[in-house]
């Protein structure tokens, strides 16, 4: 499955437990994923964290990759939370707090894992810094 944009967080066994942060980051993924599900890829890019817009993908590249990846899947029939993993200052990422939120989802064309990487913003909110899909 095509990688849309991934923020390489090395979480591994040294992840931390922060249920409050994980829950807040998880909740913040929902409206963003709703935009993805509606094909509102430009709005997804605009709603992503500044780091994503500045470092991961230009608007044009994001829209092209999102279309290329999501359209063959067809309609989503089911999505549920799989895991959340919190980490402070992961290797290879700018200093800060991150949560990786993984969903299991089913689509007309099959089942995938959707991974949404979230970064705590200076105002305390959570912003998307990465998204990728992988077949189950």
Foldseek 3Di string as FASTA:
>chain_A
DDFLWAQDFDAPPVFDDDVVVQVQQVVVVVVLVVCLLVLVQLVSLVQADPCQCVPIDPSVSNSVSSCVPPVVQAHWDDKDWDDKTWDAPGPPDPGFIKIKTWMWTHGPNGIKIKIWIWTQDPVRHIGTNGITIGGD
